[in-house]
Amino acid sequence: MRLTLSALLLIAAAAQSQSLPPDLQRLLTLKDRASVLLANVPDYTCLETVGRVERSAQGRRKSADVIRVAIAVVDGKETYGWPDGERFLDRQLSQMIRSGLTATGLYGPFVRGLMTGKNDDF
């Protein structure tokens, strides 16, 4: 099934590429191949460890704390929980960690949206 879909995408890209500049042709081919691969990425979990630092009054960096968070990506969406918890929580990371700087990676959903979305305006 995957091979058939890949072949169809390559045939469509080849037919479309007859009148496109080479750079755009390569970009569209990459996007088509990435879409096929990303559509088959399974749900997964990982453990993220973040060491946060702060500056002292003298300007020196010192360790503030270490945060460990369990992350699950299910149906293309990230959900969070504590590593020793029994389940993932239905809330944002900023609701779990209320102080200090936090950020979500969202790399997987970002790449999936970029490569599989209808954003042909490069």
PDB file of N, CA and C in Angstrom:
ATOM      1  N   MET A   1       0.825  -1.189   0.000  1.00  0.00           N
ATOM      2  CA  MET A   1       0.000   0.000   0.000  1.00  0.00           C
ATOM      3  C   MET A   1       0.875   1.261   0.000  1.00  0.00           C
ATOM      4  N   ARG A   2       1.885   1.305   0.910  1.00  0.00           N
ATOM      5  CA  ARG A   2       2.759   2.474   0.960  1.00  0.00           C
ATOM      6  C   ARG A   2       3.532   2.654  -0.339  1.00  0.00           C
ATOM      7  N   LEU A   3       3.982   1.533  -0.908  1.00  0.00           N
ATOM      8  CA  LEU A   3       4.741   1.601  -2.147  1.00  0.00           C
ATOM      9  C   LEU A   3       3.869   2.152  -3.273  1.00  0.00           C
ATOM     10  N   THR A   4       2.615   1.731  -3.336  1.00  0.00           N
ATOM     11  CA  THR A   4       1.701   2.217  -4.363  1.00  0.00           C
ATOM     12  C   THR A   4       1.463   3.715  -4.208  1.00  0.00           C
ATOM     13  N   LEU A   5       1.232   4.161  -2.987  1.00  0.00           N
ATOM     14  CA  LEU A   5       1.009   5.578  -2.732  1.00  0.00           C
ATOM     15  C   LEU A   5       2.250   6.380  -3.080  1.00  0.00           C
ATOM     16  N   SER A   6       3.419   5.877  -2.721  1.00  0.00           N
ATOM     17  CA  SER A   6       4.658   6.574  -3.048  1.00  0.00           C
ATOM     18  C   SER A   6       4.848   6.672  -4.554  1.00  0.00           C
ATOM     19  N   ALA A   7       4.563   5.589  -5.251  1.00  0.00           N
ATOM     20  CA  ALA A   7       4.696   5.589  -6.703  1.00  0.00           C
ATOM     21  C   ALA A   7       3.747   6.589  -7.343  1.00  0.00           C
ATOM     22  N   LEU A   8       2.506   6.643  -6.843  1.00  0.00           N
ATOM     23  CA  LEU A   8       1.540   7.602  -7.383  1.00  0.00           C
ATOM     24  C   LEU A   8       1.980   9.040  -7.143  1.00  0.00           C
ATOM     25  N   LEU A   9       2.525   9.297  -5.970  1.00  0.00           N
ATOM     26  CA  LEU A   9       3.008  10.652  -5.671  1.00  0.00           C
ATOM     27  C   LEU A   9       4.175  11.031  -6.573  1.00  0.00           C
ATOM     28  N   LEU A  10       5.074  10.088  -6.810  1.00  0.00           N
ATOM     29  CA  LEU A  10       6.216  10.377  -7.680  1.00  0.00           C
ATOM     30  C   LEU A  10       5.787  10.603  -9.126  1.00  0.00           C
ATOM     31  N   ILE A  11       4.807   9.844  -9.602  1.00  0.00           N
ATOM     32  CA  ILE A  11       4.294  10.028 -10.962  1.00  0.00           C
ATOM     33  C   ILE A  11       3.627  11.393 -11.084  1.00  0.00           C
ATOM     34  N   ALA A  12       2.826  11.749 -10.063  1.00  0.00           N
ATOM     35  CA  ALA A  12       2.164  13.052 -10.077  1.00  0.00           C
ATOM     36  C   ALA A  12       3.190  14.179 -10.035  1.00  0.00           C
ATOM     37  N   ALA A  13       4.223  14.023  -9.223  1.00  0.00           N
ATOM     38  CA  ALA A  13       5.259  15.047  -9.127  1.00  0.00           C
ATOM     39  C   ALA A  13       6.022  15.171 -10.442  1.00  0.00           C
ATOM     40  N   ALA A  14       6.276  14.034 -11.089  1.00  0.00           N
ATOM     41  CA  ALA A  14       6.990  14.061 -12.370  1.00  0.00           C
ATOM     42  C   ALA A  14       6.158  14.764 -13.436  1.00  0.00           C
ATOM     43  N   ALA A  15       4.864  14.486 -13.464  1.00  0.00           N
ATOM     44  CA  ALA A  15       3.992  15.130 -14.447  1.00  0.00           C
ATOM     45  C   ALA A  15       3.912  16.629 -14.186  1.00  0.00           C
ATOM     46  N   GLN A  16       3.843  17.002 -12.926  1.00  0.00           N
ATOM     47  CA  GLN A  16       3.738  18.409 -12.559  1.00  0.00           C
ATOM     48  C   GLN A  16       5.056  19.143 -12.780  1.00  0.00           C
ATOM     49  N   SER A  17       6.155  18.437 -12.670  1.00  0.00           N
ATOM     50  CA  SER A  17       7.462  19.075 -12.692  1.00  0.00           C
ATOM     51  C   SER A  17       7.920  19.482 -14.086  1.00  0.00           C
ATOM     52  N   GLN A  18       7.191  19.145 -15.106  1.00  0.00           N
ATOM     53  CA  GLN A  18       7.608  19.467 -16.465  1.00  0.00           C
ATOM     54  C   GLN A  18       7.816  20.970 -16.666  1.00  0.00           C
ATOM     55  N   SER A  19       7.019  21.805 -15.983  1.00  0.00           N
ATOM     56  CA  SER A  19       7.088  23.241 -16.233  1.00  0.00           C
ATOM     57  C   SER A  19       7.602  24.042 -15.031  1.00  0.00           C
ATOM     58  N   LEU A  20       8.096  23.376 -13.993  1.00  0.00           N
ATOM     59  CA  LEU A  20       8.536  24.077 -12.787  1.00  0.00           C
ATOM     60  C   LEU A  20      10.047  24.265 -12.777  1.00  0.00           C
ATOM     61  N   PRO A  21      10.517  25.346 -12.128  1.00  0.00           N
ATOM     62  CA  PRO A  21      11.968  25.508 -11.966  1.00  0.00           C
ATOM     63  C   PRO A  21      12.542  24.352 -11.145  1.00  0.00           C
ATOM     64  N   PRO A  22      13.794  23.980 -11.375  1.00  0.00           N
ATOM     65  CA  PRO A  22      14.390  22.824 -10.681  1.00  0.00           C
ATOM     66  C   PRO A  22      14.340  22.913  -9.158  1.00  0.00           C
ATOM     67  N   ASP A  23      14.590  24.101  -8.592  1.00  0.00           N
ATOM     68  CA  ASP A  23      14.563  24.226  -7.132  1.00  0.00           C
ATOM     69  C   ASP A  23      13.174  23.965  -6.571  1.00  0.00           C
ATOM     70  N   LEU A  24      12.160  24.499  -7.203  1.00  0.00           N
ATOM     71  CA  LEU A  24      10.791  24.278  -6.752  1.00  0.00           C
ATOM     72  C   LEU A  24      10.388  22.826  -6.962  1.00  0.00           C
ATOM     73  N   GLN A  25      10.855  22.241  -8.029  1.00  0.00           N
ATOM     74  CA  GLN A  25      10.593  20.828  -8.302  1.00  0.00           C
ATOM     75  C   GLN A  25      11.167  19.954  -7.184  1.00  0.00           C
ATOM     76  N   ARG A  26      12.407  20.223  -6.767  1.00  0.00           N
ATOM     77  CA  ARG A  26      13.028  19.459  -5.676  1.00  0.00           C
ATOM     78  C   ARG A  26      12.278  19.667  -4.363  1.00  0.00           C
ATOM     79  N   LEU A  27      11.853  20.891  -4.099  1.00  0.00           N
ATOM     80  CA  LEU A  27      11.123  21.178  -2.875  1.00  0.00           C
ATOM     81  C   LEU A  27       9.790  20.435  -2.828  1.00  0.00           C
ATOM     82  N   LEU A  28       9.079  20.424  -3.930  1.00  0.00           N
ATOM     83  CA  LEU A  28       7.797  19.711  -3.966  1.00  0.00           C
ATOM     84  C   LEU A  28       7.996  18.199  -3.856  1.00  0.00           C
ATOM     85  N   THR A  29       9.051  17.687  -4.445  1.00  0.00           N
ATOM     86  CA  THR A  29       9.356  16.262  -4.312  1.00  0.00           C
ATOM     87  C   THR A  29       9.661  15.923  -2.862  1.00  0.00           C
ATOM     88  N   LEU A  30      10.457  16.770  -2.195  1.00  0.00           N
ATOM     89  CA  LEU A  30      10.765  16.564  -0.778  1.00  0.00           C
ATOM     90  C   LEU A  30       9.486  16.593   0.055  1.00  0.00           C
ATOM     91  N   LYS A  31       8.638  17.541  -0.221  1.00  0.00           N
ATOM     92  CA  LYS A  31       7.385  17.662   0.528  1.00  0.00           C
ATOM     93  C   LYS A  31       6.516  16.417   0.329  1.00  0.00           C
ATOM     94  N   ASP A  32       6.427  15.930  -0.893  1.00  0.00           N
ATOM     95  CA  ASP A  32       5.630  14.731  -1.157  1.00  0.00           C
ATOM     96  C   ASP A  32       6.190  13.515  -0.425  1.00  0.00           C
ATOM     97  N   ARG A  33       7.495  13.346  -0.466  1.00  0.00           N
ATOM     98  CA  ARG A  33       8.121  12.205   0.223  1.00  0.00           C
ATOM     99  C   ARG A  33       7.965  12.318   1.741  1.00  0.00           C
ATOM    100  N   ALA A  34       8.161  13.520   2.268  1.00  0.00           N
ATOM    101  CA  ALA A  34       8.019  13.729   3.715  1.00  0.00           C
ATOM    102  C   ALA A  34       6.581  13.487   4.160  1.00  0.00           C
ATOM    103  N   SER A  35       5.612  13.885   3.344  1.00  0.00           N
ATOM    104  CA  SER A  35       4.206  13.660   3.684  1.00  0.00           C
ATOM    105  C   SER A  35       3.913  12.178   3.852  1.00  0.00           C
ATOM    106  N   VAL A  36       4.450  11.379   2.962  1.00  0.00           N
ATOM    107  CA  VAL A  36       4.242   9.928   3.044  1.00  0.00           C
ATOM    108  C   VAL A  36       4.878   9.378   4.313  1.00  0.00           C
ATOM    109  N   LEU A  37       6.102   9.789   4.593  1.00  0.00           N
ATOM    110  CA  LEU A  37       6.787   9.299   5.793  1.00  0.00           C
ATOM    111  C   LEU A  37       6.098   9.766   7.074  1.00  0.00           C
ATOM    112  N   LEU A  38       5.719  11.032   7.128  1.00  0.00           N
ATOM    113  CA  LEU A  38       5.102  11.582   8.335  1.00  0.00           C
ATOM    114  C   LEU A  38       3.719  11.003   8.596  1.00  0.00           C
ATOM    115  N   ALA A  39       3.031  10.610   7.546  1.00  0.00           N
ATOM    116  CA  ALA A  39       1.702  10.009   7.722  1.00  0.00           C
ATOM    117  C   ALA A  39       1.799   8.660   8.426  1.00  0.00           C
ATOM    118  N   ASN A  40       2.978   8.054   8.393  1.00  0.00           N
ATOM    119  CA  ASN A  40       3.162   6.736   8.984  1.00  0.00           C
ATOM    120  C   ASN A  40       3.947   6.748  10.290  1.00  0.00           C
ATOM    121  N   VAL A  41       4.178   7.925  10.863  1.00  0.00           N
ATOM    122  CA  VAL A  41       4.884   8.007  12.145  1.00  0.00           C
ATOM    123  C   VAL A  41       3.920   7.570  13.243  1.00  0.00           C
ATOM    124  N   PRO A  42       4.306   6.587  14.027  1.00  0.00           N
ATOM    125  CA  PRO A  42       3.395   6.107  15.080  1.00  0.00           C
ATOM    126  C   PRO A  42       3.343   7.083  16.254  1.00  0.00           C
ATOM    127  N   ASP A  43       2.323   6.910  17.070  1.00  0.00           N
ATOM    128  CA  ASP A  43       2.261   7.658  18.324  1.00  0.00           C
ATOM    129  C   ASP A  43       3.459   7.240  19.165  1.00  0.00           C
ATOM    130  N   TYR A  44       3.970   8.127  19.998  1.00  0.00           N
ATOM    131  CA  TYR A  44       5.142   7.791  20.800  1.00  0.00           C
ATOM    132  C   TYR A  44       5.148   8.582  22.104  1.00  0.00           C
ATOM    133  N   THR A  45       5.995   8.149  23.014  1.00  0.00           N
ATOM    134  CA  THR A  45       6.216   8.861  24.270  1.00  0.00           C
ATOM    135  C   THR A  45       7.715   9.076  24.443  1.00  0.00           C
ATOM    136  N   CYS A  46       8.052  10.110  25.199  1.00  0.00           N
ATOM    137  CA  CYS A  46       9.456  10.353  25.517  1.00  0.00           C
ATOM    138  C   CYS A  46       9.539  11.065  26.860  1.00  0.00           C
ATOM    139  N   LEU A  47      10.726  11.109  27.390  1.00  0.00           N
ATOM    140  CA  LEU A  47      10.984  11.789  28.648  1.00  0.00           C
ATOM    141  C   LEU A  47      11.918  12.954  28.358  1.00  0.00           C
ATOM    142  N   GLU A  48      11.511  14.143  28.738  1.00  0.00           N
ATOM    143  CA  GLU A  48      12.323  15.331  28.513  1.00  0.00           C
ATOM    144  C   GLU A  48      12.871  15.828  29.844  1.00  0.00           C
ATOM    145  N   THR A  49      14.162  16.090  29.875  1.00  0.00           N
ATOM    146  CA  THR A  49      14.807  16.641  31.064  1.00  0.00           C
ATOM    147  C   THR A  49      15.370  18.007  30.701  1.00  0.00           C
ATOM    148  N   VAL A  50      14.961  19.027  31.446  1.00  0.00           N
ATOM    149  CA  VAL A  50      15.385  20.394  31.181  1.00  0.00           C
ATOM    150  C   VAL A  50      16.071  20.946  32.422  1.00  0.00           C
ATOM    151  N   GLY A  51      17.290  21.405  32.259  1.00  0.00           N
ATOM    152  CA  GLY A  51      18.000  22.068  33.346  1.00  0.00           C
ATOM    153  C   GLY A  51      17.886  23.575  33.169  1.00  0.00           C
ATOM    154  N   ARG A  52      17.239  24.232  34.093  1.00  0.00           N
ATOM    155  CA  ARG A  52      17.078  25.684  33.989  1.00  0.00           C
ATOM    156  C   ARG A  52      18.144  26.376  34.843  1.00  0.00           C
ATOM    157  N   VAL A  53      18.627  27.520  34.365  1.00  0.00           N
ATOM    158  CA  VAL A  53      19.653  28.281  35.072  1.00  0.00           C
ATOM    159  C   VAL A  53      19.146  29.690  35.324  1.00  0.00           C
ATOM    160  N   GLU A  54      19.774  30.341  36.301  1.00  0.00           N
ATOM    161  CA  GLU A  54      19.472  31.745  36.562  1.00  0.00           C
ATOM    162  C   GLU A  54      20.784  32.475  36.791  1.00  0.00           C
ATOM    163  N   ARG A  55      20.743  33.785  36.653  1.00  0.00           N
ATOM    164  CA  ARG A  55      21.945  34.589  36.866  1.00  0.00           C
ATOM    165  C   ARG A  55      21.937  35.166  38.275  1.00  0.00           C
ATOM    166  N   SER A  56      23.099  35.134  38.891  1.00  0.00           N
ATOM    167  CA  SER A  56      23.243  35.739  40.218  1.00  0.00           C
ATOM    168  C   SER A  56      23.380  37.252  40.053  1.00  0.00           C
ATOM    169  N   ALA A  57      23.418  37.966  41.162  1.00  0.00           N
ATOM    170  CA  ALA A  57      23.578  39.415  41.124  1.00  0.00           C
ATOM    171  C   ALA A  57      24.895  39.814  40.463  1.00  0.00           C
ATOM    172  N   GLN A  58      25.901  38.941  40.553  1.00  0.00           N
ATOM    173  CA  GLN A  58      27.206  39.208  39.930  1.00  0.00           C
ATOM    174  C   GLN A  58      27.239  38.808  38.457  1.00  0.00           C
ATOM    175  N   GLY A  59      26.149  38.301  37.932  1.00  0.00           N
ATOM    176  CA  GLY A  59      26.092  37.919  36.524  1.00  0.00           C
ATOM    177  C   GLY A  59      26.519  36.501  36.243  1.00  0.00           C
ATOM    178  N   ARG A  60      26.781  35.726  37.277  1.00  0.00           N
ATOM    179  CA  ARG A  60      27.187  34.331  37.085  1.00  0.00           C
ATOM    180  C   ARG A  60      25.945  33.453  36.953  1.00  0.00           C
ATOM    181  N   ARG A  61      26.097  32.443  36.145  1.00  0.00           N
ATOM    182  CA  ARG A  61      24.999  31.483  35.994  1.00  0.00           C
ATOM    183  C   ARG A  61      25.064  30.442  37.087  1.00  0.00           C
ATOM    184  N   LYS A  62      23.903  30.081  37.589  1.00  0.00           N
ATOM    185  CA  LYS A  62      23.850  28.978  38.545  1.00  0.00           C
ATOM    186  C   LYS A  62      22.596  28.165  38.265  1.00  0.00           C
ATOM    187  N   SER A  63      22.670  26.908  38.602  1.00  0.00           N
ATOM    188  CA  SER A  63      21.553  26.004  38.354  1.00  0.00           C
ATOM    189  C   SER A  63      20.349  26.430  39.192  1.00  0.00           C
ATOM    190  N   ALA A  64      19.200  26.530  38.555  1.00  0.00           N
ATOM    191  CA  ALA A  64      17.970  26.890  39.260  1.00  0.00           C
ATOM    192  C   ALA A  64      17.197  25.632  39.636  1.00  0.00           C
ATOM    193  N   ASP A  65      16.954  24.792  38.666  1.00  0.00           N
ATOM    194  CA  ASP A  65      16.247  23.543  38.923  1.00  0.00           C
ATOM    195  C   ASP A  65      16.330  22.632  37.702  1.00  0.00           C
ATOM    196  N   VAL A  66      15.891  21.414  37.874  1.00  0.00           N
ATOM    197  CA  VAL A  66      15.813  20.443  36.788  1.00  0.00           C
ATOM    198  C   VAL A  66      14.383  19.937  36.744  1.00  0.00           C
ATOM    199  N   ILE A  67      13.814  19.964  35.565  1.00  0.00           N
ATOM    200  CA  ILE A  67      12.431  19.524  35.389  1.00  0.00           C
ATOM    201  C   ILE A  67      12.418  18.319  34.466  1.00  0.00           C
ATOM    202  N   ARG A  68      11.691  17.296  34.863  1.00  0.00           N
ATOM    203  CA  ARG A  68      11.516  16.114  34.017  1.00  0.00           C
ATOM    204  C   ARG A  68      10.028  15.979  33.712  1.00  0.00           C
ATOM    205  N   VAL A  69       9.715  15.859  32.437  1.00  0.00           N
ATOM    206  CA  VAL A  69       8.330  15.779  31.997  1.00  0.00           C
ATOM    207  C   VAL A  69       8.193  14.632  31.006  1.00  0.00           C
ATOM    208  N   ALA A  70       7.141  13.847  31.171  1.00  0.00           N
ATOM    209  CA  ALA A  70       6.815  12.808  30.198  1.00  0.00           C
ATOM    210  C   ALA A  70       5.941  13.446  29.121  1.00  0.00           C
ATOM    211  N   ILE A  71       6.257  13.157  27.868  1.00  0.00           N
ATOM    212  CA  ILE A  71       5.516  13.725  26.742  1.00  0.00           C
ATOM    213  C   ILE A  71       5.008  12.585  25.877  1.00  0.00           C
ATOM    214  N   ALA A  72       3.746  12.678  25.504  1.00  0.00           N
ATOM    215  CA  ALA A  72       3.167  11.708  24.576  1.00  0.00           C
ATOM    216  C   ALA A  72       2.663  12.462  23.354  1.00  0.00           C
ATOM    217  N   VAL A  73       2.918  11.924  22.191  1.00  0.00           N
ATOM    218  CA  VAL A  73       2.363  12.474  20.964  1.00  0.00           C
ATOM    219  C   VAL A  73       1.361  11.448  20.449  1.00  0.00           C
ATOM    220  N   VAL A  74       0.107  11.831  20.477  1.00  0.00           N
ATOM    221  CA  VAL A  74      -0.983  10.953  20.070  1.00  0.00           C
ATOM    222  C   VAL A  74      -1.853  11.711  19.078  1.00  0.00           C
ATOM    223  N   ASP A  75      -2.068  11.114  17.931  1.00  0.00           N
ATOM    224  CA  ASP A  75      -2.843  11.744  16.859  1.00  0.00           C
ATOM    225  C   ASP A  75      -2.287  13.126  16.511  1.00  0.00           C
ATOM    226  N   GLY A  76      -0.965  13.268  16.559  1.00  0.00           N
ATOM    227  CA  GLY A  76      -0.327  14.516  16.177  1.00  0.00           C
ATOM    228  C   GLY A  76      -0.375  15.615  17.214  1.00  0.00           C
ATOM    229  N   LYS A  77      -0.858  15.331  18.410  1.00  0.00           N
ATOM    230  CA  LYS A  77      -0.948  16.343  19.461  1.00  0.00           C
ATOM    231  C   LYS A  77      -0.117  15.920  20.666  1.00  0.00           C
ATOM    232  N   GLU A  78       0.553  16.897  21.276  1.00  0.00           N
ATOM    233  CA  GLU A  78       1.354  16.609  22.463  1.00  0.00           C
ATOM    234  C   GLU A  78       0.505  16.709  23.720  1.00  0.00           C
ATOM    235  N   THR A  79       0.738  15.781  24.630  1.00  0.00           N
ATOM    236  CA  THR A  79       0.123  15.830  25.950  1.00  0.00           C
ATOM    237  C   THR A  79       1.225  15.532  26.962  1.00  0.00           C
ATOM    238  N   TYR A  80       1.062  16.004  28.183  1.00  0.00           N
ATOM    239  CA  TYR A  80       2.142  15.972  29.166  1.00  0.00           C
ATOM    240  C   TYR A  80       1.716  15.258  30.441  1.00  0.00           C
ATOM    241  N   GLY A  81       2.710  14.802  31.181  1.00  0.00           N
ATOM    242  CA  GLY A  81       2.476  14.184  32.474  1.00  0.00           C
ATOM    243  C   GLY A  81       3.782  14.154  33.250  1.00  0.00           C
ATOM    244  N   TRP A  82       3.697  13.760  34.502  1.00  0.00           N
ATOM    245  CA  TRP A  82       4.897  13.617  35.318  1.00  0.00           C
ATOM    246  C   TRP A  82       5.481  12.226  35.100  1.00  0.00           C
ATOM    247  N   PRO A  83       6.802  12.082  35.116  1.00  0.00           N
ATOM    248  CA  PRO A  83       7.428  10.780  34.856  1.00  0.00           C
ATOM    249  C   PRO A  83       6.949   9.666  35.779  1.00  0.00           C
ATOM    250  N   ASP A  84       6.659   9.981  37.031  1.00  0.00           N
ATOM    251  CA  ASP A  84       6.212   8.949  37.955  1.00  0.00           C
ATOM    252  C   ASP A  84       4.690   8.843  38.023  1.00  0.00           C
ATOM    253  N   GLY A  85       4.012   9.610  37.195  1.00  0.00           N
ATOM    254  CA  GLY A  85       2.550   9.567  37.176  1.00  0.00           C
ATOM    255  C   GLY A  85       2.042   8.341  36.446  1.00  0.00           C
ATOM    256  N   GLU A  86       0.797   8.023  36.677  1.00  0.00           N
ATOM    257  CA  GLU A  86       0.222   6.833  36.049  1.00  0.00           C
ATOM    258  C   GLU A  86      -0.448   7.147  34.719  1.00  0.00           C
ATOM    259  N   ARG A  87      -0.689   8.433  34.445  1.00  0.00           N
ATOM    260  CA  ARG A  87      -1.339   8.775  33.187  1.00  0.00           C
ATOM    261  C   ARG A  87      -0.921  10.178  32.761  1.00  0.00           C
ATOM    262  N   PHE A  88      -1.197  10.488  31.518  1.00  0.00           N
ATOM    263  CA  PHE A  88      -0.917  11.817  31.015  1.00  0.00           C
ATOM    264  C   PHE A  88      -2.076  12.731  31.374  1.00  0.00           C
ATOM    265  N   LEU A  89      -1.751  13.995  31.570  1.00  0.00           N
ATOM    266  CA  LEU A  89      -2.737  14.966  32.016  1.00  0.00           C
ATOM    267  C   LEU A  89      -3.300  15.732  30.832  1.00  0.00           C
ATOM    268  N   ASP A  90      -4.544  16.122  30.937  1.00  0.00           N
ATOM    269  CA  ASP A  90      -5.186  16.874  29.866  1.00  0.00           C
ATOM    270  C   ASP A  90      -5.018  18.372  30.133  1.00  0.00           C
ATOM    271  N   ARG A  91      -3.770  18.821  30.098  1.00  0.00           N
ATOM    272  CA  ARG A  91      -3.499  20.241  30.302  1.00  0.00           C
ATOM    273  C   ARG A  91      -2.204  20.624  29.608  1.00  0.00           C
ATOM    274  N   GLN A  92      -1.999  21.907  29.464  1.00  0.00           N
ATOM    275  CA  GLN A  92      -0.812  22.433  28.816  1.00  0.00           C
ATOM    276  C   GLN A  92       0.381  22.377  29.772  1.00  0.00           C
ATOM    277  N   LEU A  93       1.574  22.407  29.205  1.00  0.00           N
ATOM    278  CA  LEU A  93       2.789  22.381  30.012  1.00  0.00           C
ATOM    279  C   LEU A  93       2.846  23.587  30.955  1.00  0.00           C
ATOM    280  N   SER A  94       2.395  24.742  30.489  1.00  0.00           N
ATOM    281  CA  SER A  94       2.429  25.949  31.328  1.00  0.00           C
ATOM    282  C   SER A  94       1.502  25.832  32.535  1.00  0.00           C
ATOM    283  N   GLN A  95       0.519  24.950  32.479  1.00  0.00           N
ATOM    284  CA  GLN A  95      -0.355  24.727  33.629  1.00  0.00           C
ATOM    285  C   GLN A  95       0.293  23.783  34.642  1.00  0.00           C
ATOM    286  N   MET A  96       1.232  22.978  34.201  1.00  0.00           N
ATOM    287  CA  MET A  96       1.930  22.061  35.098  1.00  0.00           C
ATOM    288  C   MET A  96       3.104  22.749  35.789  1.00  0.00           C
ATOM    289  N   ILE A  97       3.839  23.564  35.034  1.00  0.00           N
ATOM    290  CA  ILE A  97       5.019  24.251  35.555  1.00  0.00           C
ATOM    291  C   ILE A  97       4.677  25.733  35.575  1.00  0.00           C
ATOM    292  N   ARG A  98       4.354  26.236  36.739  1.00  0.00           N
ATOM    293  CA  ARG A  98       3.785  27.580  36.842  1.00  0.00           C
ATOM    294  C   ARG A  98       4.801  28.701  36.984  1.00  0.00           C
ATOM    295  N   SER A  99       6.051  28.391  37.247  1.00  0.00           N
ATOM    296  CA  SER A  99       7.032  29.467  37.395  1.00  0.00           C
ATOM    297  C   SER A  99       8.234  29.193  36.507  1.00  0.00           C
ATOM    298  N   GLY A 100       8.915  30.250  36.148  1.00  0.00           N
ATOM    299  CA  GLY A 100      10.099  30.106  35.312  1.00  0.00           C
ATOM    300  C   GLY A 100       9.734  29.975  33.841  1.00  0.00           C
ATOM    301  N   LEU A 101      10.741  29.971  33.035  1.00  0.00           N
ATOM    302  CA  LEU A 101      10.566  29.906  31.595  1.00  0.00           C
ATOM    303  C   LEU A 101      10.350  28.457  31.155  1.00  0.00           C
ATOM    304  N   THR A 102       9.325  28.228  30.376  1.00  0.00           N
ATOM    305  CA  THR A 102       9.083  26.917  29.765  1.00  0.00           C
ATOM    306  C   THR A 102       8.734  27.120  28.305  1.00  0.00           C
ATOM    307  N   ALA A 103       8.931  26.113  27.530  1.00  0.00           N
ATOM    308  CA  ALA A 103       8.549  26.155  26.114  1.00  0.00           C
ATOM    309  C   ALA A 103       8.288  24.738  25.663  1.00  0.00           C
ATOM    310  N   THR A 104       7.381  24.594  24.732  1.00  0.00           N
ATOM    311  CA  THR A 104       7.129  23.285  24.153  1.00  0.00           C
ATOM    312  C   THR A 104       7.902  23.189  22.853  1.00  0.00           C
ATOM    313  N   GLY A 105       8.399  22.003  22.584  1.00  0.00           N
ATOM    314  CA  GLY A 105       9.135  21.806  21.353  1.00  0.00           C
ATOM    315  C   GLY A 105       8.228  21.832  20.138  1.00  0.00           C
ATOM    316  N   LEU A 106       7.165  21.065  20.191  1.00  0.00           N
ATOM    317  CA  LEU A 106       6.206  20.966  19.093  1.00  0.00           C
ATOM    318  C   LEU A 106       6.876  20.718  17.750  1.00  0.00           C
ATOM    319  N   TYR A 107       8.040  20.091  17.783  1.00  0.00           N
ATOM    320  CA  TYR A 107       8.750  19.853  16.533  1.00  0.00           C
ATOM    321  C   TYR A 107       7.965  18.907  15.618  1.00  0.00           C
ATOM    322  N   GLY A 108       7.496  17.815  16.182  1.00  0.00           N
ATOM    323  CA  GLY A 108       6.755  16.853  15.366  1.00  0.00           C
ATOM    324  C   GLY A 108       5.518  17.443  14.733  1.00  0.00           C
ATOM    325  N   PRO A 109       4.625  18.061  15.512  1.00  0.00           N
ATOM    326  CA  PRO A 109       3.445  18.688  14.908  1.00  0.00           C
ATOM    327  C   PRO A 109       3.800  19.810  13.933  1.00  0.00           C
ATOM    328  N   PHE A 110       4.881  20.551  14.199  1.00  0.00           N
ATOM    329  CA  PHE A 110       5.290  21.620  13.291  1.00  0.00           C
ATOM    330  C   PHE A 110       5.701  21.052  11.933  1.00  0.00           C
ATOM    331  N   VAL A 111       6.554  20.039  11.966  1.00  0.00           N
ATOM    332  CA  VAL A 111       7.014  19.441  10.708  1.00  0.00           C
ATOM    333  C   VAL A 111       5.842  18.799   9.963  1.00  0.00           C
ATOM    334  N   ARG A 112       4.981  18.110  10.698  1.00  0.00           N
ATOM    335  CA  ARG A 112       3.824  17.483  10.059  1.00  0.00           C
ATOM    336  C   ARG A 112       2.944  18.544   9.385  1.00  0.00           C
ATOM    337  N   GLY A 113       2.702  19.649  10.065  1.00  0.00           N
ATOM    338  CA  GLY A 113       1.880  20.713   9.488  1.00  0.00           C
ATOM    339  C   GLY A 113       2.540  21.371   8.283  1.00  0.00           C
ATOM    340  N   LEU A 114       3.851  21.549   8.374  1.00  0.00           N
ATOM    341  CA  LEU A 114       4.582  22.165   7.282  1.00  0.00           C
ATOM    342  C   LEU A 114       4.593  21.294   6.039  1.00  0.00           C
ATOM    343  N   MET A 115       4.819  20.009   6.225  1.00  0.00           N
ATOM    344  CA  MET A 115       4.965  19.121   5.086  1.00  0.00           C
ATOM    345  C   MET A 115       3.665  18.544   4.566  1.00  0.00           C
ATOM    346  N   THR A 116       2.642  18.458   5.369  1.00  0.00           N
ATOM    347  CA  THR A 116       1.398  17.853   4.909  1.00  0.00           C
ATOM    348  C   THR A 116       0.290  18.861   4.680  1.00  0.00           C
ATOM    349  N   GLY A 117       0.485  20.108   5.116  1.00  0.00           N
ATOM    350  CA  GLY A 117      -0.539  21.131   4.957  1.00  0.00           C
ATOM    351  C   GLY A 117      -0.564  21.670   3.547  1.00  0.00           C
ATOM    352  N   LYS A 118      -1.590  22.432   3.272  1.00  0.00           N
ATOM    353  CA  LYS A 118      -1.739  23.057   1.950  1.00  0.00           C
ATOM    354  C   LYS A 118      -1.090  24.434   1.966  1.00  0.00           C
ATOM    355  N   ASN A 119       0.198  24.478   2.224  1.00  0.00           N
ATOM    356  CA  ASN A 119       0.945  25.721   2.327  1.00  0.00           C
ATOM    357  C   ASN A 119       1.947  25.791   1.169  1.00  0.00           C
ATOM    358  N   ASP A 120       1.453  25.895  -0.021  1.00  0.00           N
ATOM    359  CA  ASP A 120       2.319  25.863  -1.199  1.00  0.00           C
ATOM    360  C   ASP A 120       2.983  27.201  -1.487  1.00  0.00           C
ATOM    361  N   ASP A 121       2.850  28.163  -0.600  1.00  0.00           N
ATOM    362  CA  ASP A 121       3.459  29.468  -0.785  1.00  0.00           C
ATOM    363  C   ASP A 121       4.805  29.485  -0.074  1.00  0.00           C
ATOM    364  N   PHE A 122       5.852  29.028  -0.731  1.00  0.00           N
ATOM    365  CA  PHE A 122       7.175  28.931  -0.123  1.00  0.00           C
ATOM    366  C   PHE A 122       7.858  30.250  -0.239  1.00  0.00           C
TER     367      PHE A 122
END
